[in-house]
Each structure stands twice: as C-alpha cells, then as structure tokens.
Amino acid sequence: NTPWSRLPKVKFLCPAPGYDRHFAVT
C-alpha cells in the first residue's frame, strides 16, 4: 500500500480520555 506520507491526508482514531504519549507520536 502507498506510504502514508505520500497521501494527501492521514487520520488516526484516538479514544479519549487516553494516553498522552500516543497522541504526541501521532
């Protein structure tokens, strides 16, 4: 599949309240 950096938009689902370091990586 196409590397995510070459796509016009990439989204990630973040259940919240959640872990701040997960969100920082994203």
mmCIF file of all heavy atoms, coordinates in Angstrom:
data_MODEL
# 
_entry.id   MODEL 
# 
loop_
_atom_site.group_PDB 
_atom_site.id 
_atom_site.type_symbol 
_atom_site.label_atom_id 
_atom_site.label_alt_id 
_atom_site.label_comp_id 
_atom_site.label_asym_id 
_atom_site.label_entity_id 
_atom_site.label_seq_id 
_atom_site.pdbx_PDB_ins_code 
_atom_site.Cartn_x 
_atom_site.Cartn_y 
_atom_site.Cartn_z 
_atom_site.occupancy 
_atom_site.B_iso_or_equiv 
_atom_site.pdbx_formal_charge 
_atom_site.auth_seq_id 
_atom_site.auth_comp_id 
_atom_site.auth_asym_id 
_atom_site.auth_atom_id 
_atom_site.pdbx_PDB_model_num 
ATOM 1   N N   . ASN A 1 1  ? 0.832   -1.206 0.000  1.00 0.00 ? 1  ASN A N   1 
ATOM 2   C CA  . ASN A 1 1  ? 0.000   0.000  0.000  1.00 0.00 ? 1  ASN A CA  1 
ATOM 3   C C   . ASN A 1 1  ? 0.866   1.255  0.000  1.00 0.00 ? 1  ASN A C   1 
ATOM 4   O O   . ASN A 1 1  ? 2.031   1.232  0.415  1.00 0.00 ? 1  ASN A O   1 
ATOM 5   C CB  . ASN A 1 1  ? -0.908  0.000  1.232  1.00 0.00 ? 1  ASN A CB  1 
ATOM 6   C CG  . ASN A 1 1  ? -1.968  -1.085 1.150  1.00 0.00 ? 1  ASN A CG  1 
ATOM 7   O OD1 . ASN A 1 1  ? -2.957  -0.969 0.446  1.00 0.00 ? 1  ASN A OD1 1 
ATOM 8   N ND2 . ASN A 1 1  ? -1.745  -2.185 1.884  1.00 0.00 ? 1  ASN A ND2 1 
ATOM 9   N N   . THR A 1 2  ? 0.297   2.353  -0.454 1.00 0.00 ? 2  THR A N   1 
ATOM 10  C CA  . THR A 1 2  ? 1.015   3.628  -0.569 1.00 0.00 ? 2  THR A CA  1 
ATOM 11  C C   . THR A 1 2  ? 1.505   4.086  0.803  1.00 0.00 ? 2  THR A C   1 
ATOM 12  O O   . THR A 1 2  ? 0.742   4.079  1.771  1.00 0.00 ? 2  THR A O   1 
ATOM 13  C CB  . THR A 1 2  ? 0.093   4.714  -1.155 1.00 0.00 ? 2  THR A CB  1 
ATOM 14  O OG1 . THR A 1 2  ? -0.393  4.273  -2.425 1.00 0.00 ? 2  THR A OG1 1 
ATOM 15  C CG2 . THR A 1 2  ? 0.827   6.041  -1.321 1.00 0.00 ? 2  THR A CG2 1 
ATOM 16  N N   . PRO A 1 3  ? 2.782   4.482  0.909  1.00 0.00 ? 3  PRO A N   1 
ATOM 17  C CA  . PRO A 1 3  ? 3.260   5.046  2.180  1.00 0.00 ? 3  PRO A CA  1 
ATOM 18  C C   . PRO A 1 3  ? 2.376   6.213  2.619  1.00 0.00 ? 3  PRO A C   1 
ATOM 19  O O   . PRO A 1 3  ? 1.967   7.039  1.790  1.00 0.00 ? 3  PRO A O   1 
ATOM 20  C CB  . PRO A 1 3  ? 4.675   5.510  1.850  1.00 0.00 ? 3  PRO A CB  1 
ATOM 21  C CG  . PRO A 1 3  ? 5.108   4.632  0.713  1.00 0.00 ? 3  PRO A CG  1 
ATOM 22  C CD  . PRO A 1 3  ? 3.863   4.391  -0.097 1.00 0.00 ? 3  PRO A CD  1 
ATOM 23  N N   . TRP A 1 4  ? 2.091   6.270  3.897  1.00 0.00 ? 4  TRP A N   1 
ATOM 24  C CA  . TRP A 1 4  ? 1.149   7.269  4.398  1.00 0.00 ? 4  TRP A CA  1 
ATOM 25  C C   . TRP A 1 4  ? 1.629   8.694  4.144  1.00 0.00 ? 4  TRP A C   1 
ATOM 26  O O   . TRP A 1 4  ? 0.812   9.602  3.963  1.00 0.00 ? 4  TRP A O   1 
ATOM 27  C CB  . TRP A 1 4  ? 0.906   7.055  5.892  1.00 0.00 ? 4  TRP A CB  1 
ATOM 28  C CG  . TRP A 1 4  ? 0.191   5.779  6.209  1.00 0.00 ? 4  TRP A CG  1 
ATOM 29  C CD1 . TRP A 1 4  ? -0.252  4.841  5.312  1.00 0.00 ? 4  TRP A CD1 1 
ATOM 30  C CD2 . TRP A 1 4  ? -0.157  5.281  7.499  1.00 0.00 ? 4  TRP A CD2 1 
ATOM 31  N NE1 . TRP A 1 4  ? -0.862  3.795  5.973  1.00 0.00 ? 4  TRP A NE1 1 
ATOM 32  C CE2 . TRP A 1 4  ? -0.827  4.043  7.315  1.00 0.00 ? 4  TRP A CE2 1 
ATOM 33  C CE3 . TRP A 1 4  ? 0.032   5.764  8.788  1.00 0.00 ? 4  TRP A CE3 1 
ATOM 34  C CZ2 . TRP A 1 4  ? -1.300  3.285  8.386  1.00 0.00 ? 4  TRP A CZ2 1 
ATOM 35  C CZ3 . TRP A 1 4  ? -0.436  5.016  9.862  1.00 0.00 ? 4  TRP A CZ3 1 
ATOM 36  C CH2 . TRP A 1 4  ? -1.098  3.787  9.656  1.00 0.00 ? 4  TRP A CH2 1 
ATOM 37  N N   . SER A 1 5  ? 2.933   8.897  4.118  1.00 0.00 ? 5  SER A N   1 
ATOM 38  C CA  . SER A 1 5  ? 3.455   10.249 3.907  1.00 0.00 ? 5  SER A CA  1 
ATOM 39  C C   . SER A 1 5  ? 3.183   10.771 2.503  1.00 0.00 ? 5  SER A C   1 
ATOM 40  O O   . SER A 1 5  ? 3.269   11.973 2.261  1.00 0.00 ? 5  SER A O   1 
ATOM 41  C CB  . SER A 1 5  ? 4.966   10.273 4.173  1.00 0.00 ? 5  SER A CB  1 
ATOM 42  O OG  . SER A 1 5  ? 5.639   9.385  3.291  1.00 0.00 ? 5  SER A OG  1 
ATOM 43  N N   . ARG A 1 6  ? 2.840   9.886  1.567  1.00 0.00 ? 6  ARG A N   1 
ATOM 44  C CA  . ARG A 1 6  ? 2.563   10.302 0.190  1.00 0.00 ? 6  ARG A CA  1 
ATOM 45  C C   . ARG A 1 6  ? 1.078   10.549 -0.061 1.00 0.00 ? 6  ARG A C   1 
ATOM 46  O O   . ARG A 1 6  ? 0.676   10.896 -1.173 1.00 0.00 ? 6  ARG A O   1 
ATOM 47  C CB  . ARG A 1 6  ? 3.075   9.243  -0.787 1.00 0.00 ? 6  ARG A CB  1 
ATOM 48  C CG  . ARG A 1 6  ? 4.587   9.034  -0.732 1.00 0.00 ? 6  ARG A CG  1 
ATOM 49  C CD  . ARG A 1 6  ? 5.030   8.000  -1.750 1.00 0.00 ? 6  ARG A CD  1 
ATOM 50  N NE  . ARG A 1 6  ? 6.425   7.628  -1.561 1.00 0.00 ? 6  ARG A NE  1 
ATOM 51  C CZ  . ARG A 1 6  ? 7.028   6.651  -2.226 1.00 0.00 ? 6  ARG A CZ  1 
ATOM 52  N NH1 . ARG A 1 6  ? 6.348   5.934  -3.127 1.00 0.00 ? 6  ARG A NH1 1 
ATOM 53  N NH2 . ARG A 1 6  ? 8.302   6.357  -1.989 1.00 0.00 ? 6  ARG A NH2 1 
ATOM 54  N N   . LEU A 1 7  ? 0.273   10.355 0.953  1.00 0.00 ? 7  LEU A N   1 
ATOM 55  C CA  . LEU A 1 7  ? -1.170  10.561 0.820  1.00 0.00 ? 7  LEU A CA  1 
ATOM 56  C C   . LEU A 1 7  ? -1.534  11.993 1.190  1.00 0.00 ? 7  LEU A C   1 
ATOM 57  O O   . LEU A 1 7  ? -0.867  12.628 2.006  1.00 0.00 ? 7  LEU A O   1 
ATOM 58  C CB  . LEU A 1 7  ? -1.911  9.582  1.730  1.00 0.00 ? 7  LEU A CB  1 
ATOM 59  C CG  . LEU A 1 7  ? -1.693  8.091  1.439  1.00 0.00 ? 7  LEU A CG  1 
ATOM 60  C CD1 . LEU A 1 7  ? -2.324  7.232  2.529  1.00 0.00 ? 7  LEU A CD1 1 
ATOM 61  C CD2 . LEU A 1 7  ? -2.257  7.718  0.068  1.00 0.00 ? 7  LEU A CD2 1 
ATOM 62  N N   . PRO A 1 8  ? -2.593  12.527 0.575  1.00 0.00 ? 8  PRO A N   1 
ATOM 63  C CA  . PRO A 1 8  ? -2.984  13.908 0.887  1.00 0.00 ? 8  PRO A CA  1 
ATOM 64  C C   . PRO A 1 8  ? -3.445  14.102 2.326  1.00 0.00 ? 8  PRO A C   1 
ATOM 65  O O   . PRO A 1 8  ? -3.299  15.184 2.897  1.00 0.00 ? 8  PRO A O   1 
ATOM 66  C CB  . PRO A 1 8  ? -4.127  14.192 -0.095 1.00 0.00 ? 8  PRO A CB  1 
ATOM 67  C CG  . PRO A 1 8  ? -4.627  12.840 -0.527 1.00 0.00 ? 8  PRO A CG  1 
ATOM 68  C CD  . PRO A 1 8  ? -3.435  11.937 -0.490 1.00 0.00 ? 8  PRO A CD  1 
ATOM 69  N N   . LYS A 1 9  ? -3.985  13.063 2.931  1.00 0.00 ? 9  LYS A N   1 
ATOM 70  C CA  . LYS A 1 9  ? -4.488  13.177 4.301  1.00 0.00 ? 9  LYS A CA  1 
ATOM 71  C C   . LYS A 1 9  ? -4.424  11.814 4.969  1.00 0.00 ? 9  LYS A C   1 
ATOM 72  O O   . LYS A 1 9  ? -4.782  10.801 4.368  1.00 0.00 ? 9  LYS A O   1 
ATOM 73  C CB  . LYS A 1 9  ? -5.934  13.685 4.295  1.00 0.00 ? 9  LYS A CB  1 
ATOM 74  C CG  . LYS A 1 9  ? -6.601  13.758 5.653  1.00 0.00 ? 9  LYS A CG  1 
ATOM 75  C CD  . LYS A 1 9  ? -6.075  14.897 6.515  1.00 0.00 ? 9  LYS A CD  1 
ATOM 76  C CE  . LYS A 1 9  ? -6.532  16.241 6.026  1.00 0.00 ? 9  LYS A CE  1 
ATOM 77  N NZ  . LYS A 1 9  ? -6.133  17.329 6.964  1.00 0.00 ? 9  LYS A NZ  1 
ATOM 78  N N   . VAL A 1 10 ? -3.944  11.794 6.214  1.00 0.00 ? 10 VAL A N   1 
ATOM 79  C CA  . VAL A 1 10 ? -3.953  10.577 7.020  1.00 0.00 ? 10 VAL A CA  1 
ATOM 80  C C   . VAL A 1 10 ? -4.586  10.917 8.367  1.00 0.00 ? 10 VAL A C   1 
ATOM 81  O O   . VAL A 1 10 ? -4.245  11.924 8.993  1.00 0.00 ? 10 VAL A O   1 
ATOM 82  C CB  . VAL A 1 10 ? -2.530  10.018 7.246  1.00 0.00 ? 10 VAL A CB  1 
ATOM 83  C CG1 . VAL A 1 10 ? -2.571  8.799  8.159  1.00 0.00 ? 10 VAL A CG1 1 
ATOM 84  C CG2 . VAL A 1 10 ? -1.879  9.656  5.915  1.00 0.00 ? 10 VAL A CG2 1 
ATOM 85  N N   . LYS A 1 11 ? -5.512  10.066 8.818  1.00 0.00 ? 11 LYS A N   1 
ATOM 86  C CA  . LYS A 1 11 ? -6.211  10.290 10.079 1.00 0.00 ? 11 LYS A CA  1 
ATOM 87  C C   . LYS A 1 11 ? -6.044  9.060  10.978 1.00 0.00 ? 11 LYS A C   1 
ATOM 88  O O   . LYS A 1 11 ? -5.907  7.938  10.478 1.00 0.00 ? 11 LYS A O   1 
ATOM 89  C CB  . LYS A 1 11 ? -7.706  10.551 9.831  1.00 0.00 ? 11 LYS A CB  1 
ATOM 90  C CG  . LYS A 1 11 ? -7.980  11.719 8.902  1.00 0.00 ? 11 LYS A CG  1 
ATOM 91  C CD  . LYS A 1 11 ? -9.467  11.798 8.543  1.00 0.00 ? 11 LYS A CD  1 
ATOM 92  C CE  . LYS A 1 11 ? -9.726  12.867 7.495  1.00 0.00 ? 11 LYS A CE  1 
ATOM 93  N NZ  . LYS A 1 11 ? -11.139 12.863 7.049  1.00 0.00 ? 11 LYS A NZ  1 
ATOM 94  N N   . PHE A 1 12 ? -6.103  9.310  12.272 1.00 0.00 ? 12 PHE A N   1 
ATOM 95  C CA  . PHE A 1 12 ? -5.985  8.228  13.247 1.00 0.00 ? 12 PHE A CA  1 
ATOM 96  C C   . PHE A 1 12 ? -7.043  8.419  14.318 1.00 0.00 ? 12 PHE A C   1 
ATOM 97  O O   . PHE A 1 12 ? -7.299  9.551  14.753 1.00 0.00 ? 12 PHE A O   1 
ATOM 98  C CB  . PHE A 1 12 ? -4.588  8.245  13.891 1.00 0.00 ? 12 PHE A CB  1 
ATOM 99  C CG  . PHE A 1 12 ? -3.949  6.902  14.016 1.00 0.00 ? 12 PHE A CG  1 
ATOM 100 C CD1 . PHE A 1 12 ? -3.327  6.303  12.935 1.00 0.00 ? 12 PHE A CD1 1 
ATOM 101 C CD2 . PHE A 1 12 ? -3.947  6.227  15.229 1.00 0.00 ? 12 PHE A CD2 1 
ATOM 102 C CE1 . PHE A 1 12 ? -2.724  5.053  13.060 1.00 0.00 ? 12 PHE A CE1 1 
ATOM 103 C CE2 . PHE A 1 12 ? -3.352  4.989  15.364 1.00 0.00 ? 12 PHE A CE2 1 
ATOM 104 C CZ  . PHE A 1 12 ? -2.738  4.393  14.273 1.00 0.00 ? 12 PHE A CZ  1 
ATOM 105 N N   . LEU A 1 13 ? -7.643  7.310  14.748 1.00 0.00 ? 13 LEU A N   1 
ATOM 106 C CA  . LEU A 1 13 ? -8.666  7.371  15.787 1.00 0.00 ? 13 LEU A CA  1 
ATOM 107 C C   . LEU A 1 13 ? -8.002  7.310  17.159 1.00 0.00 ? 13 LEU A C   1 
ATOM 108 O O   . LEU A 1 13 ? -7.160  6.454  17.411 1.00 0.00 ? 13 LEU A O   1 
ATOM 109 C CB  . LEU A 1 13 ? -9.658  6.216  15.627 1.00 0.00 ? 13 LEU A CB  1 
ATOM 110 C CG  . LEU A 1 13 ? -10.342 6.111  14.263 1.00 0.00 ? 13 LEU A CG  1 
ATOM 111 C CD1 . LEU A 1 13 ? -11.368 4.981  14.274 1.00 0.00 ? 13 LEU A CD1 1 
ATOM 112 C CD2 . LEU A 1 13 ? -11.013 7.423  13.875 1.00 0.00 ? 13 LEU A CD2 1 
ATOM 113 N N   . CYS A 1 14 ? -8.415  8.229  18.021 1.00 0.00 ? 14 CYS A N   1 
ATOM 114 C CA  . CYS A 1 14 ? -7.797  8.370  19.334 1.00 0.00 ? 14 CYS A CA  1 
ATOM 115 C C   . CYS A 1 14 ? -8.859  8.303  20.425 1.00 0.00 ? 14 CYS A C   1 
ATOM 116 O O   . CYS A 1 14 ? -9.487  9.321  20.757 1.00 0.00 ? 14 CYS A O   1 
ATOM 117 C CB  . CYS A 1 14 ? -7.053  9.699  19.424 1.00 0.00 ? 14 CYS A CB  1 
ATOM 118 S SG  . CYS A 1 14 ? -5.708  9.854  18.231 1.00 0.00 ? 14 CYS A SG  1 
ATOM 119 N N   . PRO A 1 15 ? -9.115  7.110  20.987 1.00 0.00 ? 15 PRO A N   1 
ATOM 120 C CA  . PRO A 1 15 ? -10.052 7.019  22.110 1.00 0.00 ? 15 PRO A CA  1 
ATOM 121 C C   . PRO A 1 15 ? -9.593  7.918  23.256 1.00 0.00 ? 15 PRO A C   1 
ATOM 122 O O   . PRO A 1 15 ? -8.421  7.911  23.629 1.00 0.00 ? 15 PRO A O   1 
ATOM 123 C CB  . PRO A 1 15 ? -9.997  5.538  22.500 1.00 0.00 ? 15 PRO A CB  1 
ATOM 124 C CG  . PRO A 1 15 ? -9.565  4.836  21.241 1.00 0.00 ? 15 PRO A CG  1 
ATOM 125 C CD  . PRO A 1 15 ? -8.614  5.783  20.584 1.00 0.00 ? 15 PRO A CD  1 
ATOM 126 N N   . ALA A 1 16 ? -10.527 8.698  23.781 1.00 0.00 ? 16 ALA A N   1 
ATOM 127 C CA  . ALA A 1 16 ? -10.180 9.662  24.830 1.00 0.00 ? 16 ALA A CA  1 
ATOM 128 C C   . ALA A 1 16 ? -11.278 9.709  25.880 1.00 0.00 ? 16 ALA A C   1 
ATOM 129 O O   . ALA A 1 16 ? -12.457 9.599  25.539 1.00 0.00 ? 16 ALA A O   1 
ATOM 130 C CB  . ALA A 1 16 ? -9.945  11.046 24.216 1.00 0.00 ? 16 ALA A CB  1 
ATOM 131 N N   . PRO A 1 17 ? -10.878 9.882  27.169 1.00 0.00 ? 17 PRO A N   1 
ATOM 132 C CA  . PRO A 1 17 ? -9.522  10.112 27.645 1.00 0.00 ? 17 PRO A CA  1 
ATOM 133 C C   . PRO A 1 17 ? -8.583  8.949  27.303 1.00 0.00 ? 17 PRO A C   1 
ATOM 134 O O   . PRO A 1 17 ? -8.977  7.791  27.351 1.00 0.00 ? 17 PRO A O   1 
ATOM 135 C CB  . PRO A 1 17 ? -9.694  10.251 29.158 1.00 0.00 ? 17 PRO A CB  1 
ATOM 136 C CG  . PRO A 1 17 ? -11.122 10.605 29.369 1.00 0.00 ? 17 PRO A CG  1 
ATOM 137 C CD  . PRO A 1 17 ? -11.861 9.902  28.284 1.00 0.00 ? 17 PRO A CD  1 
ATOM 138 N N   . GLY A 1 18 ? -7.341  9.304  26.955 1.00 0.00 ? 18 GLY A N   1 
ATOM 139 C CA  . GLY A 1 18 ? -6.377  8.295  26.547 1.00 0.00 ? 18 GLY A CA  1 
ATOM 140 C C   . GLY A 1 18 ? -4.969  8.682  26.946 1.00 0.00 ? 18 GLY A C   1 
ATOM 141 O O   . GLY A 1 18 ? -4.754  9.589  27.758 1.00 0.00 ? 18 GLY A O   1 
ATOM 142 N N   . TYR A 1 19 ? -4.001  8.010  26.329 1.00 0.00 ? 19 TYR A N   1 
ATOM 143 C CA  . TYR A 1 19 ? -2.590  8.123  26.711 1.00 0.00 ? 19 TYR A CA  1 
ATOM 144 C C   . TYR A 1 19 ? -1.946  9.263  25.942 1.00 0.00 ? 19 TYR A C   1 
ATOM 145 O O   . TYR A 1 19 ? -1.888  9.244  24.711 1.00 0.00 ? 19 TYR A O   1 
ATOM 146 C CB  . TYR A 1 19 ? -1.886  6.796  26.429 1.00 0.00 ? 19 TYR A CB  1 
ATOM 147 C CG  . TYR A 1 19 ? -0.433  6.726  26.804 1.00 0.00 ? 19 TYR A CG  1 
ATOM 148 C CD1 . TYR A 1 19 ? 0.117   7.483  27.837 1.00 0.00 ? 19 TYR A CD1 1 
ATOM 149 C CD2 . TYR A 1 19 ? 0.422   5.856  26.128 1.00 0.00 ? 19 TYR A CD2 1 
ATOM 150 C CE1 . TYR A 1 19 ? 1.444   7.391  28.179 1.00 0.00 ? 19 TYR A CE1 1 
ATOM 151 C CE2 . TYR A 1 19 ? 1.757   5.741  26.468 1.00 0.00 ? 19 TYR A CE2 1 
ATOM 152 C CZ  . TYR A 1 19 ? 2.265   6.516  27.485 1.00 0.00 ? 19 TYR A CZ  1 
ATOM 153 O OH  . TYR A 1 19 ? 3.592   6.418  27.809 1.00 0.00 ? 19 TYR A OH  1 
ATOM 154 N N   . ASP A 1 20 ? -1.402  10.248 26.660 1.00 0.00 ? 20 ASP A N   1 
ATOM 155 C CA  . ASP A 1 20 ? -0.867  11.444 26.019 1.00 0.00 ? 20 ASP A CA  1 
ATOM 156 C C   . ASP A 1 20 ? 0.296   11.153 25.078 1.00 0.00 ? 20 ASP A C   1 
ATOM 157 O O   . ASP A 1 20 ? 0.455   11.824 24.054 1.00 0.00 ? 20 ASP A O   1 
ATOM 158 C CB  . ASP A 1 20 ? -0.463  12.490 27.066 1.00 0.00 ? 20 ASP A CB  1 
ATOM 159 C CG  . ASP A 1 20 ? 0.487   11.957 28.136 1.00 0.00 ? 20 ASP A CG  1 
ATOM 160 O OD1 . ASP A 1 20 ? 0.500   10.742 28.367 1.00 0.00 ? 20 ASP A OD1 1 
ATOM 161 O OD2 . ASP A 1 20 ? 1.201   12.776 28.743 1.00 0.00 ? 20 ASP A OD2 1 
ATOM 162 N N   . ARG A 1 21 ? 1.102   10.145 25.388 1.00 0.00 ? 21 ARG A N   1 
ATOM 163 C CA  . ARG A 1 21 ? 2.251   9.864  24.518 1.00 0.00 ? 21 ARG A CA  1 
ATOM 164 C C   . ARG A 1 21 ? 1.809   9.260  23.181 1.00 0.00 ? 21 ARG A C   1 
ATOM 165 O O   . ARG A 1 21 ? 2.466   9.459  22.162 1.00 0.00 ? 21 ARG A O   1 
ATOM 166 C CB  . ARG A 1 21 ? 3.250   8.964  25.237 1.00 0.00 ? 21 ARG A CB  1 
ATOM 167 C CG  . ARG A 1 21 ? 3.954   9.662  26.398 1.00 0.00 ? 21 ARG A CG  1 
ATOM 168 C CD  . ARG A 1 21 ? 5.135   8.850  26.903 1.00 0.00 ? 21 ARG A CD  1 
ATOM 169 N NE  . ARG A 1 21 ? 5.760   9.457  28.061 1.00 0.00 ? 21 ARG A NE  1 
ATOM 170 C CZ  . ARG A 1 21 ? 6.719   10.369 28.021 1.00 0.00 ? 21 ARG A CZ  1 
ATOM 171 N NH1 . ARG A 1 21 ? 7.135   10.813 26.847 1.00 0.00 ? 21 ARG A NH1 1 
ATOM 172 N NH2 . ARG A 1 21 ? 7.258   10.847 29.123 1.00 0.00 ? 21 ARG A NH2 1 
ATOM 173 N N   . HIS A 1 22 ? 0.728   8.517  23.167 1.00 0.00 ? 22 HIS A N   1 
ATOM 174 C CA  . HIS A 1 22 ? 0.168   8.064  21.887 1.00 0.00 ? 22 HIS A CA  1 
ATOM 175 C C   . HIS A 1 22 ? -0.173  9.260  21.014 1.00 0.00 ? 22 HIS A C   1 
ATOM 176 O O   . HIS A 1 22 ? 0.139   9.304  19.820 1.00 0.00 ? 22 HIS A O   1 
ATOM 177 C CB  . HIS A 1 22 ? -1.107  7.247  22.120 1.00 0.00 ? 22 HIS A CB  1 
ATOM 178 C CG  . HIS A 1 22 ? -0.859  5.889  22.685 1.00 0.00 ? 22 HIS A CG  1 
ATOM 179 N ND1 . HIS A 1 22 ? -1.877  5.128  23.226 1.00 0.00 ? 22 HIS A ND1 1 
ATOM 180 C CD2 . HIS A 1 22 ? 0.263   5.139  22.793 1.00 0.00 ? 22 HIS A CD2 1 
ATOM 181 C CE1 . HIS A 1 22 ? -1.385  3.973  23.626 1.00 0.00 ? 22 HIS A CE1 1 
ATOM 182 N NE2 . HIS A 1 22 ? -0.100  3.951  23.392 1.00 0.00 ? 22 HIS A NE2 1 
ATOM 183 N N   . PHE A 1 23 ? -0.834  10.223 21.624 1.00 0.00 ? 23 PHE A N   1 
ATOM 184 C CA  . PHE A 1 23 ? -1.264  11.394 20.870 1.00 0.00 ? 23 PHE A CA  1 
ATOM 185 C C   . PHE A 1 23 ? -0.062  12.214 20.397 1.00 0.00 ? 23 PHE A C   1 
ATOM 186 O O   . PHE A 1 23 ? -0.069  12.774 19.298 1.00 0.00 ? 23 PHE A O   1 
ATOM 187 C CB  . PHE A 1 23 ? -2.196  12.259 21.719 1.00 0.00 ? 23 PHE A CB  1 
ATOM 188 C CG  . PHE A 1 23 ? -3.396  11.515 22.269 1.00 0.00 ? 23 PHE A CG  1 
ATOM 189 C CD1 . PHE A 1 23 ? -3.995  11.911 23.454 1.00 0.00 ? 23 PHE A CD1 1 
ATOM 190 C CD2 . PHE A 1 23 ? -3.921  10.410 21.606 1.00 0.00 ? 23 PHE A CD2 1 
ATOM 191 C CE1 . PHE A 1 23 ? -5.095  11.232 23.961 1.00 0.00 ? 23 PHE A CE1 1 
ATOM 192 C CE2 . PHE A 1 23 ? -5.013  9.716  22.102 1.00 0.00 ? 23 PHE A CE2 1 
ATOM 193 C CZ  . PHE A 1 23 ? -5.607  10.135 23.292 1.00 0.00 ? 23 PHE A CZ  1 
ATOM 194 N N   . ALA A 1 24 ? 0.990   12.268 21.221 1.00 0.00 ? 24 ALA A N   1 
ATOM 195 C CA  . ALA A 1 24 ? 2.189   13.021 20.847 1.00 0.00 ? 24 ALA A CA  1 
ATOM 196 C C   . ALA A 1 24 ? 2.874   12.382 19.636 1.00 0.00 ? 24 ALA A C   1 
ATOM 197 O O   . ALA A 1 24 ? 3.347   13.090 18.734 1.00 0.00 ? 24 ALA A O   1 
ATOM 198 C CB  . ALA A 1 24 ? 3.156   13.090 22.033 1.00 0.00 ? 24 ALA A CB  1 
ATOM 199 N N   . VAL A 1 25 ? 2.931   11.046 19.592 1.00 0.00 ? 25 VAL A N   1 
ATOM 200 C CA  . VAL A 1 25 ? 3.520   10.352 18.447 1.00 0.00 ? 25 VAL A CA  1 
ATOM 201 C C   . VAL A 1 25 ? 2.734   10.670 17.179 1.00 0.00 ? 25 VAL A C   1 
ATOM 202 O O   . VAL A 1 25 ? 3.302   11.000 16.129 1.00 0.00 ? 25 VAL A O   1 
ATOM 203 C CB  . VAL A 1 25 ? 3.556   8.831  18.686 1.00 0.00 ? 25 VAL A CB  1 
ATOM 204 C CG1 . VAL A 1 25 ? 3.915   8.083  17.405 1.00 0.00 ? 25 VAL A CG1 1 
ATOM 205 C CG2 . VAL A 1 25 ? 4.554   8.480  19.792 1.00 0.00 ? 25 VAL A CG2 1 
ATOM 206 N N   . THR A 1 26 ? 1.419   10.588 17.274 1.00 0.00 ? 26 THR A N   1 
ATOM 207 C CA  . THR A 1 26 ? 0.563   10.841 16.112 1.00 0.00 ? 26 THR A CA  1 
ATOM 208 C C   . THR A 1 26 ? 0.741   12.264 15.603 1.00 0.00 ? 26 THR A C   1 
ATOM 209 O O   . THR A 1 26 ? 0.870   12.504 14.388 1.00 0.00 ? 26 THR A O   1 
ATOM 210 C CB  . THR A 1 26 ? -0.918  10.604 16.492 1.00 0.00 ? 26 THR A CB  1 
ATOM 211 O OG1 . THR A 1 26 ? -1.024  9.423  17.280 1.00 0.00 ? 26 THR A OG1 1 
ATOM 212 C CG2 . THR A 1 26 ? -1.775  10.437 15.253 1.00 0.00 ? 26 THR A CG2 1 
# 
